[in-house]
């Protein structure tokens, strides 16, 4: 998340063709996509944490969600870094 804010600050301080880089629509779209992926990763991780905390002997969904979360959050994190 900190890298996201650093990227926005850096892009806003860069001037191309007399405008900050953040004024270009394709750059804004990349930032919006990156932010949406960050929020989705947080929500997905929170769901896995919730399954782990509420686990019982009969309900052990966390055994599925924890590895899936690790895989998905890592792959989405790589996409976010690429977008930034």
PDB file of N, CA and C in Angstrom:
ATOM      1  N   UNK A   1       0.830  -1.187   0.000  1.00  0.00           N
ATOM      2  CA  UNK A   1       0.000   0.000   0.000  1.00  0.00           C
ATOM      3  C   UNK A   1       0.878   1.255   0.000  1.00  0.00           C
ATOM      4  N   UNK A   2       1.964   1.198   0.741  1.00  0.00           N
ATOM      5  CA  UNK A   2       2.857   2.351   0.781  1.00  0.00           C
ATOM      6  C   UNK A   2       3.477   2.602  -0.596  1.00  0.00           C
ATOM      7  N   UNK A   3       3.811   1.540  -1.303  1.00  0.00           N
ATOM      8  CA  UNK A   3       4.376   1.689  -2.652  1.00  0.00           C
ATOM      9  C   UNK A   3       3.377   2.368  -3.584  1.00  0.00           C
ATOM     10  N   UNK A   4       2.097   2.091  -3.385  1.00  0.00           N
ATOM     11  CA  UNK A   4       1.049   2.715  -4.196  1.00  0.00           C
ATOM     12  C   UNK A   4       1.067   4.235  -4.002  1.00  0.00           C
ATOM     13  N   UNK A   5       1.101   4.674  -2.749  1.00  0.00           N
ATOM     14  CA  UNK A   5       1.118   6.107  -2.472  1.00  0.00           C
ATOM     15  C   UNK A   5       2.414   6.757  -2.939  1.00  0.00           C
ATOM     16  N   UNK A   6       3.503   6.051  -2.820  1.00  0.00           N
ATOM     17  CA  UNK A   6       4.777   6.574  -3.326  1.00  0.00           C
ATOM     18  C   UNK A   6       4.728   6.742  -4.843  1.00  0.00           C
ATOM     19  N   UNK A   7       4.119   5.788  -5.535  1.00  0.00           N
ATOM     20  CA  UNK A   7       4.016   5.869  -6.998  1.00  0.00           C
ATOM     21  C   UNK A   7       3.147   7.049  -7.421  1.00  0.00           C
ATOM     22  N   UNK A   8       2.051   7.275  -6.706  1.00  0.00           N
ATOM     23  CA  UNK A   8       1.182   8.413  -7.040  1.00  0.00           C
ATOM     24  C   UNK A   8       1.919   9.730  -6.799  1.00  0.00           C
ATOM     25  N   UNK A   9       2.606   9.825  -5.681  1.00  0.00           N
ATOM     26  CA  UNK A   9       3.356  11.047  -5.376  1.00  0.00           C
ATOM     27  C   UNK A   9       4.434  11.294  -6.428  1.00  0.00           C
ATOM     28  N   UNK A  10       5.139  10.251  -6.794  1.00  0.00           N
ATOM     29  CA  UNK A  10       6.193  10.387  -7.809  1.00  0.00           C
ATOM     30  C   UNK A  10       5.599  10.804  -9.156  1.00  0.00           C
ATOM     31  N   UNK A  11       4.504  10.159  -9.551  1.00  0.00           N
ATOM     32  CA  UNK A  11       3.884  10.483 -10.841  1.00  0.00           C
ATOM     33  C   UNK A  11       3.323  11.900 -10.844  1.00  0.00           C
ATOM     34  N   UNK A  12       2.811  12.340  -9.712  1.00  0.00           N
ATOM     35  CA  UNK A  12       2.252  13.687  -9.641  1.00  0.00           C
ATOM     36  C   UNK A  12       3.344  14.751  -9.737  1.00  0.00           C
ATOM     37  N   UNK A  13       4.534  14.428  -9.280  1.00  0.00           N
ATOM     38  CA  UNK A  13       5.645  15.387  -9.351  1.00  0.00           C
ATOM     39  C   UNK A  13       6.336  15.395 -10.708  1.00  0.00           C
ATOM     40  N   UNK A  14       6.090  14.398 -11.534  1.00  0.00           N
ATOM     41  CA  UNK A  14       6.680  14.339 -12.878  1.00  0.00           C
ATOM     42  C   UNK A  14       5.830  15.164 -13.838  1.00  0.00           C
ATOM     43  N   UNK A  15       6.464  15.967 -14.640  1.00  0.00           N
ATOM     44  CA  UNK A  15       5.762  16.822 -15.592  1.00  0.00           C
ATOM     45  C   UNK A  15       6.116  16.371 -17.009  1.00  0.00           C
ATOM     46  N   UNK A  16       5.083  16.044 -17.797  1.00  0.00           N
ATOM     47  CA  UNK A  16       5.248  15.707 -19.210  1.00  0.00           C
ATOM     48  C   UNK A  16       4.301  16.575 -20.025  1.00  0.00           C
ATOM     49  N   UNK A  17       4.811  17.187 -21.057  1.00  0.00           N
ATOM     50  CA  UNK A  17       4.014  18.046 -21.928  1.00  0.00           C
ATOM     51  C   UNK A  17       3.292  19.131 -21.137  1.00  0.00           C
ATOM     52  N   UNK A  18       3.927  19.605 -20.072  1.00  0.00           N
ATOM     53  CA  UNK A  18       3.356  20.686 -19.276  1.00  0.00           C
ATOM     54  C   UNK A  18       2.310  20.256 -18.265  1.00  0.00           C
ATOM     55  N   UNK A  19       2.074  18.972 -18.120  1.00  0.00           N
ATOM     56  CA  UNK A  19       1.065  18.469 -17.179  1.00  0.00           C
ATOM     57  C   UNK A  19       1.669  17.410 -16.271  1.00  0.00           C
ATOM     58  N   UNK A  20       1.147  17.297 -15.050  1.00  0.00           N
ATOM     59  CA  UNK A  20       1.574  16.177 -14.199  1.00  0.00           C
ATOM     60  C   UNK A  20       1.176  14.850 -14.844  1.00  0.00           C
ATOM     61  N   UNK A  21       1.980  13.841 -14.639  1.00  0.00           N
ATOM     62  CA  UNK A  21       1.714  12.532 -15.247  1.00  0.00           C
ATOM     63  C   UNK A  21       0.359  11.980 -14.799  1.00  0.00           C
ATOM     64  N   UNK A  22      -0.061  12.329 -13.587  1.00  0.00           N
ATOM     65  CA  UNK A  22      -1.344  11.813 -13.079  1.00  0.00           C
ATOM     66  C   UNK A  22      -2.548  12.407 -13.799  1.00  0.00           C
ATOM     67  N   UNK A  23      -2.345  13.412 -14.641  1.00  0.00           N
ATOM     68  CA  UNK A  23      -3.461  13.973 -15.410  1.00  0.00           C
ATOM     69  C   UNK A  23      -3.792  13.153 -16.654  1.00  0.00           C
ATOM     70  N   UNK A  24      -2.924  12.238 -17.045  1.00  0.00           N
ATOM     71  CA  UNK A  24      -3.176  11.434 -18.239  1.00  0.00           C
ATOM     72  C   UNK A  24      -4.164  10.316 -17.914  1.00  0.00           C
ATOM     73  N   UNK A  25      -5.168  10.127 -18.767  1.00  0.00           N
ATOM     74  CA  UNK A  25      -6.220   9.139 -18.469  1.00  0.00           C
ATOM     75  C   UNK A  25      -5.710   7.707 -18.325  1.00  0.00           C
ATOM     76  N   UNK A  26      -4.746   7.307 -19.147  1.00  0.00           N
ATOM     77  CA  UNK A  26      -4.271   5.922 -19.055  1.00  0.00           C
ATOM     78  C   UNK A  26      -3.486   5.687 -17.764  1.00  0.00           C
ATOM     79  N   UNK A  27      -2.825   6.713 -17.257  1.00  0.00           N
ATOM     80  CA  UNK A  27      -2.112   6.585 -15.983  1.00  0.00           C
ATOM     81  C   UNK A  27      -3.119   6.494 -14.842  1.00  0.00           C
ATOM     82  N   UNK A  28      -4.149   7.319 -14.909  1.00  0.00           N
ATOM     83  CA  UNK A  28      -5.201   7.255 -13.882  1.00  0.00           C
ATOM     84  C   UNK A  28      -5.883   5.897 -13.881  1.00  0.00           C
ATOM     85  N   UNK A  29      -6.131   5.364 -15.060  1.00  0.00           N
ATOM     86  CA  UNK A  29      -6.770   4.042 -15.146  1.00  0.00           C
ATOM     87  C   UNK A  29      -5.891   2.974 -14.506  1.00  0.00           C
ATOM     88  N   UNK A  30      -4.589   3.074 -14.712  1.00  0.00           N
ATOM     89  CA  UNK A  30      -3.674   2.108 -14.086  1.00  0.00           C
ATOM     90  C   UNK A  30      -3.698   2.229 -12.571  1.00  0.00           C
ATOM     91  N   UNK A  31      -3.741   3.456 -12.065  1.00  0.00           N
ATOM     92  CA  UNK A  31      -3.801   3.651 -10.616  1.00  0.00           C
ATOM     93  C   UNK A  31      -5.120   3.142 -10.036  1.00  0.00           C
ATOM     94  N   UNK A  32      -6.207   3.373 -10.736  1.00  0.00           N
ATOM     95  CA  UNK A  32      -7.507   2.880 -10.265  1.00  0.00           C
ATOM     96  C   UNK A  32      -7.514   1.357 -10.242  1.00  0.00           C
ATOM     97  N   UNK A  33      -6.986   0.745 -11.284  1.00  0.00           N
ATOM     98  CA  UNK A  33      -6.920  -0.720 -11.334  1.00  0.00           C
ATOM     99  C   UNK A  33      -6.042  -1.262 -10.207  1.00  0.00           C
ATOM    100  N   UNK A  34      -4.911  -0.621  -9.978  1.00  0.00           N
ATOM    101  CA  UNK A  34      -4.009  -1.059  -8.906  1.00  0.00           C
ATOM    102  C   UNK A  34      -4.680  -0.920  -7.544  1.00  0.00           C
ATOM    103  N   UNK A  35      -5.387   0.184  -7.321  1.00  0.00           N
ATOM    104  CA  UNK A  35      -6.057   0.388  -6.038  1.00  0.00           C
ATOM    105  C   UNK A  35      -7.167  -0.635  -5.835  1.00  0.00           C
ATOM    106  N   UNK A  36      -7.931  -0.907  -6.886  1.00  0.00           N
ATOM    107  CA  UNK A  36      -8.999  -1.907  -6.782  1.00  0.00           C
ATOM    108  C   UNK A  36      -8.426  -3.285  -6.450  1.00  0.00           C
ATOM    109  N   UNK A  37      -7.308  -3.627  -7.050  1.00  0.00           N
ATOM    110  CA  UNK A  37      -6.671  -4.912  -6.746  1.00  0.00           C
ATOM    111  C   UNK A  37      -6.169  -4.953  -5.301  1.00  0.00           C
ATOM    112  N   UNK A  38      -5.625  -3.837  -4.803  1.00  0.00           N
ATOM    113  CA  UNK A  38      -5.168  -3.788  -3.415  1.00  0.00           C
ATOM    114  C   UNK A  38      -6.323  -4.000  -2.442  1.00  0.00           C
ATOM    115  N   UNK A  39      -7.434  -3.322  -2.693  1.00  0.00           N
ATOM    116  CA  UNK A  39      -8.600  -3.468  -1.818  1.00  0.00           C
ATOM    117  C   UNK A  39      -9.138  -4.890  -1.887  1.00  0.00           C
ATOM    118  N   UNK A  40      -9.192  -5.456  -3.082  1.00  0.00           N
ATOM    119  CA  UNK A  40      -9.683  -6.829  -3.232  1.00  0.00           C
ATOM    120  C   UNK A  40      -8.786  -7.815  -2.490  1.00  0.00           C
ATOM    121  N   UNK A  41      -7.474  -7.603  -2.545  1.00  0.00           N
ATOM    122  CA  UNK A  41      -6.555  -8.492  -1.823  1.00  0.00           C
ATOM    123  C   UNK A  41      -6.786  -8.414  -0.322  1.00  0.00           C
ATOM    124  N   UNK A  42      -7.009  -7.208   0.186  1.00  0.00           N
ATOM    125  CA  UNK A  42      -7.260  -7.049   1.622  1.00  0.00           C
ATOM    126  C   UNK A  42      -8.553  -7.751   2.031  1.00  0.00           C
ATOM    127  N   UNK A  43      -9.602  -7.564   1.240  1.00  0.00           N
ATOM    128  CA  UNK A  43     -10.884  -8.191   1.571  1.00  0.00           C
ATOM    129  C   UNK A  43     -10.797  -9.709   1.504  1.00  0.00           C
ATOM    130  N   UNK A  44     -10.122 -10.221   0.503  1.00  0.00           N
ATOM    131  CA  UNK A  44      -9.976 -11.669   0.359  1.00  0.00           C
ATOM    132  C   UNK A  44      -9.168 -12.242   1.521  1.00  0.00           C
ATOM    133  N   UNK A  45      -8.129 -11.531   1.919  1.00  0.00           N
ATOM    134  CA  UNK A  45      -7.319 -11.980   3.054  1.00  0.00           C
ATOM    135  C   UNK A  45      -8.116 -11.951   4.349  1.00  0.00           C
ATOM    136  N   UNK A  46      -8.922 -10.913   4.515  1.00  0.00           N
ATOM    137  CA  UNK A  46      -9.754 -10.836   5.719  1.00  0.00           C
ATOM    138  C   UNK A  46     -10.755 -11.980   5.781  1.00  0.00           C
ATOM    139  N   UNK A  47     -11.255 -12.386   4.638  1.00  0.00           N
ATOM    140  CA  UNK A  47     -12.189 -13.522   4.605  1.00  0.00           C
ATOM    141  C   UNK A  47     -11.483 -14.805   5.046  1.00  0.00           C
ATOM    142  N   UNK A  48     -10.271 -15.008   4.591  1.00  0.00           N
ATOM    143  CA  UNK A  48      -9.508 -16.193   5.003  1.00  0.00           C
ATOM    144  C   UNK A  48      -9.207 -16.156   6.501  1.00  0.00           C
ATOM    145  N   UNK A  49      -8.901 -14.973   7.021  1.00  0.00           N
ATOM    146  CA  UNK A  49      -8.662 -14.834   8.463  1.00  0.00           C
ATOM    147  C   UNK A  49      -9.929 -15.162   9.236  1.00  0.00           C
ATOM    148  N   UNK A  50     -11.058 -14.698   8.735  1.00  0.00           N
ATOM    149  CA  UNK A  50     -12.339 -14.981   9.395  1.00  0.00           C
ATOM    150  C   UNK A  50     -12.619 -16.478   9.425  1.00  0.00           C
ATOM    151  N   UNK A  51     -12.362 -17.162   8.321  1.00  0.00           N
ATOM    152  CA  UNK A  51     -12.557 -18.620   8.294  1.00  0.00           C
ATOM    153  C   UNK A  51     -11.641 -19.311   9.300  1.00  0.00           C
ATOM    154  N   UNK A  52     -10.425 -18.821   9.427  1.00  0.00           N
ATOM    155  CA  UNK A  52      -9.475 -19.427  10.364  1.00  0.00           C
ATOM    156  C   UNK A  52      -9.925 -19.216  11.808  1.00  0.00           C
ATOM    157  N   UNK A  53     -10.391 -18.026  12.117  1.00  0.00           N
ATOM    158  CA  UNK A  53     -10.813 -17.719  13.487  1.00  0.00           C
ATOM    159  C   UNK A  53     -12.086 -18.451  13.889  1.00  0.00           C
ATOM    160  N   UNK A  54     -12.953 -18.706  12.934  1.00  0.00           N
ATOM    161  CA  UNK A  54     -14.226 -19.357  13.258  1.00  0.00           C
ATOM    162  C   UNK A  54     -14.190 -20.864  13.008  1.00  0.00           C
ATOM    163  N   UNK A  55     -13.023 -21.424  12.819  1.00  0.00           N
ATOM    164  CA  UNK A  55     -12.901 -22.851  12.499  1.00  0.00           C
ATOM    165  C   UNK A  55     -13.330 -23.720  13.680  1.00  0.00           C
ATOM    166  N   UNK A  56     -13.974 -24.822  13.334  1.00  0.00           N
ATOM    167  CA  UNK A  56     -14.327 -25.851  14.305  1.00  0.00           C
ATOM    168  C   UNK A  56     -13.834 -27.179  13.745  1.00  0.00           C
ATOM    169  N   UNK A  57     -14.101 -28.241  14.473  1.00  0.00           N
ATOM    170  CA  UNK A  57     -13.702 -29.558  13.962  1.00  0.00           C
ATOM    171  C   UNK A  57     -14.473 -29.924  12.697  1.00  0.00           C
ATOM    172  N   UNK A  58     -15.710 -29.443  12.590  1.00  0.00           N
ATOM    173  CA  UNK A  58     -16.529 -29.751  11.412  1.00  0.00           C
ATOM    174  C   UNK A  58     -16.327 -28.754  10.276  1.00  0.00           C
ATOM    175  N   UNK A  59     -16.014 -27.527  10.620  1.00  0.00           N
ATOM    176  CA  UNK A  59     -15.883 -26.469   9.612  1.00  0.00           C
ATOM    177  C   UNK A  59     -14.415 -26.060   9.517  1.00  0.00           C
ATOM    178  N   UNK A  60     -13.731 -26.608   8.544  1.00  0.00           N
ATOM    179  CA  UNK A  60     -12.295 -26.334   8.401  1.00  0.00           C
ATOM    180  C   UNK A  60     -11.996 -25.767   7.016  1.00  0.00           C
ATOM    181  N   UNK A  61     -12.811 -24.782   6.619  1.00  0.00           N
ATOM    182  CA  UNK A  61     -12.627 -24.150   5.315  1.00  0.00           C
ATOM    183  C   UNK A  61     -11.280 -23.449   5.189  1.00  0.00           C
ATOM    184  N   UNK A  62     -10.727 -23.078   6.326  1.00  0.00           N
ATOM    185  CA  UNK A  62      -9.446 -22.369   6.278  1.00  0.00           C
ATOM    186  C   UNK A  62      -8.353 -23.218   5.635  1.00  0.00           C
ATOM    187  N   UNK A  63      -8.489 -24.538   5.695  1.00  0.00           N
ATOM    188  CA  UNK A  63      -7.488 -25.403   5.064  1.00  0.00           C
ATOM    189  C   UNK A  63      -7.447 -25.204   3.554  1.00  0.00           C
ATOM    190  N   UNK A  64      -8.552 -24.788   2.978  1.00  0.00           N
ATOM    191  CA  UNK A  64      -8.599 -24.478   1.555  1.00  0.00           C
ATOM    192  C   UNK A  64      -8.254 -23.010   1.304  1.00  0.00           C
ATOM    193  N   UNK A  65      -8.823 -22.126   2.120  1.00  0.00           N
ATOM    194  CA  UNK A  65      -8.688 -20.701   1.850  1.00  0.00           C
ATOM    195  C   UNK A  65      -7.289 -20.155   2.113  1.00  0.00           C
ATOM    196  N   UNK A  66      -6.582 -20.657   3.107  1.00  0.00           N
ATOM    197  CA  UNK A  66      -5.250 -20.117   3.392  1.00  0.00           C
ATOM    198  C   UNK A  66      -4.272 -20.302   2.234  1.00  0.00           C
ATOM    199  N   UNK A  67      -4.136 -21.499   1.656  1.00  0.00           N
ATOM    200  CA  UNK A  67      -3.219 -21.622   0.503  1.00  0.00           C
ATOM    201  C   UNK A  67      -3.688 -20.837  -0.723  1.00  0.00           C
ATOM    202  N   UNK A  68      -5.009 -20.817  -0.942  1.00  0.00           N
ATOM    203  CA  UNK A  68      -5.533 -20.060  -2.081  1.00  0.00           C
ATOM    204  C   UNK A  68      -5.246 -18.576  -1.883  1.00  0.00           C
ATOM    205  N   UNK A  69      -5.415 -18.102  -0.656  1.00  0.00           N
ATOM    206  CA  UNK A  69      -5.145 -16.695  -0.355  1.00  0.00           C
ATOM    207  C   UNK A  69      -3.683 -16.359  -0.603  1.00  0.00           C
ATOM    208  N   UNK A  70      -2.789 -17.204  -0.144  1.00  0.00           N
ATOM    209  CA  UNK A  70      -1.360 -16.941  -0.356  1.00  0.00           C
ATOM    210  C   UNK A  70      -1.034 -16.854  -1.842  1.00  0.00           C
ATOM    211  N   UNK A  71      -1.588 -17.748  -2.611  1.00  0.00           N
ATOM    212  CA  UNK A  71      -1.320 -17.768  -4.045  1.00  0.00           C
ATOM    213  C   UNK A  71      -1.926 -16.553  -4.740  1.00  0.00           C
ATOM    214  N   UNK A  72      -3.192 -16.287  -4.461  1.00  0.00           N
ATOM    215  CA  UNK A  72      -3.905 -15.213  -5.156  1.00  0.00           C
ATOM    216  C   UNK A  72      -3.361 -13.838  -4.780  1.00  0.00           C
ATOM    217  N   UNK A  73      -3.123 -13.618  -3.502  1.00  0.00           N
ATOM    218  CA  UNK A  73      -2.615 -12.319  -3.068  1.00  0.00           C
ATOM    219  C   UNK A  73      -1.226 -12.067  -3.650  1.00  0.00           C
ATOM    220  N   UNK A  74      -0.410 -13.091  -3.725  1.00  0.00           N
ATOM    221  CA  UNK A  74       0.920 -12.932  -4.313  1.00  0.00           C
ATOM    222  C   UNK A  74       0.834 -12.589  -5.795  1.00  0.00           C
ATOM    223  N   UNK A  75      -0.006 -13.304  -6.535  1.00  0.00           N
ATOM    224  CA  UNK A  75      -0.114 -13.031  -7.974  1.00  0.00           C
ATOM    225  C   UNK A  75      -0.726 -11.660  -8.236  1.00  0.00           C
ATOM    226  N   UNK A  76      -1.730 -11.272  -7.451  1.00  0.00           N
ATOM    227  CA  UNK A  76      -2.327  -9.947  -7.628  1.00  0.00           C
ATOM    228  C   UNK A  76      -1.349  -8.851  -7.205  1.00  0.00           C
ATOM    229  N   UNK A  77      -0.558  -9.118  -6.177  1.00  0.00           N
ATOM    230  CA  UNK A  77       0.449  -8.150  -5.751  1.00  0.00           C
ATOM    231  C   UNK A  77       1.478  -7.891  -6.835  1.00  0.00           C
ATOM    232  N   UNK A  78       1.856  -8.935  -7.548  1.00  0.00           N
ATOM    233  CA  UNK A  78       2.789  -8.764  -8.667  1.00  0.00           C
ATOM    234  C   UNK A  78       2.164  -7.914  -9.768  1.00  0.00           C
ATOM    235  N   UNK A  79       0.875  -8.115 -10.021  1.00  0.00           N
ATOM    236  CA  UNK A  79       0.189  -7.301 -11.034  1.00  0.00           C
ATOM    237  C   UNK A  79       0.134  -5.838 -10.615  1.00  0.00           C
ATOM    238  N   UNK A  80      -0.109  -5.598  -9.325  1.00  0.00           N
ATOM    239  CA  UNK A  80      -0.157  -4.221  -8.827  1.00  0.00           C
ATOM    240  C   UNK A  80       1.194  -3.546  -9.004  1.00  0.00           C
ATOM    241  N   UNK A  81       2.255  -4.227  -8.653  1.00  0.00           N
ATOM    242  CA  UNK A  81       3.593  -3.644  -8.800  1.00  0.00           C
ATOM    243  C   UNK A  81       3.891  -3.371 -10.270  1.00  0.00           C
ATOM    244  N   UNK A  82       3.449  -4.251 -11.146  1.00  0.00           N
ATOM    245  CA  UNK A  82       3.643  -4.031 -12.580  1.00  0.00           C
ATOM    246  C   UNK A  82       2.874  -2.797 -13.049  1.00  0.00           C
ATOM    247  N   UNK A  83       1.652  -2.618 -12.542  1.00  0.00           N
ATOM    248  CA  UNK A  83       0.855  -1.456 -12.928  1.00  0.00           C
ATOM    249  C   UNK A  83       1.469  -0.145 -12.438  1.00  0.00           C
ATOM    250  N   UNK A  84       2.122  -0.210 -11.286  1.00  0.00           N
ATOM    251  CA  UNK A  84       2.712   1.017 -10.741  1.00  0.00           C
ATOM    252  C   UNK A  84       3.978   1.357 -11.498  1.00  0.00           C
TER     253      UNK A  84
END
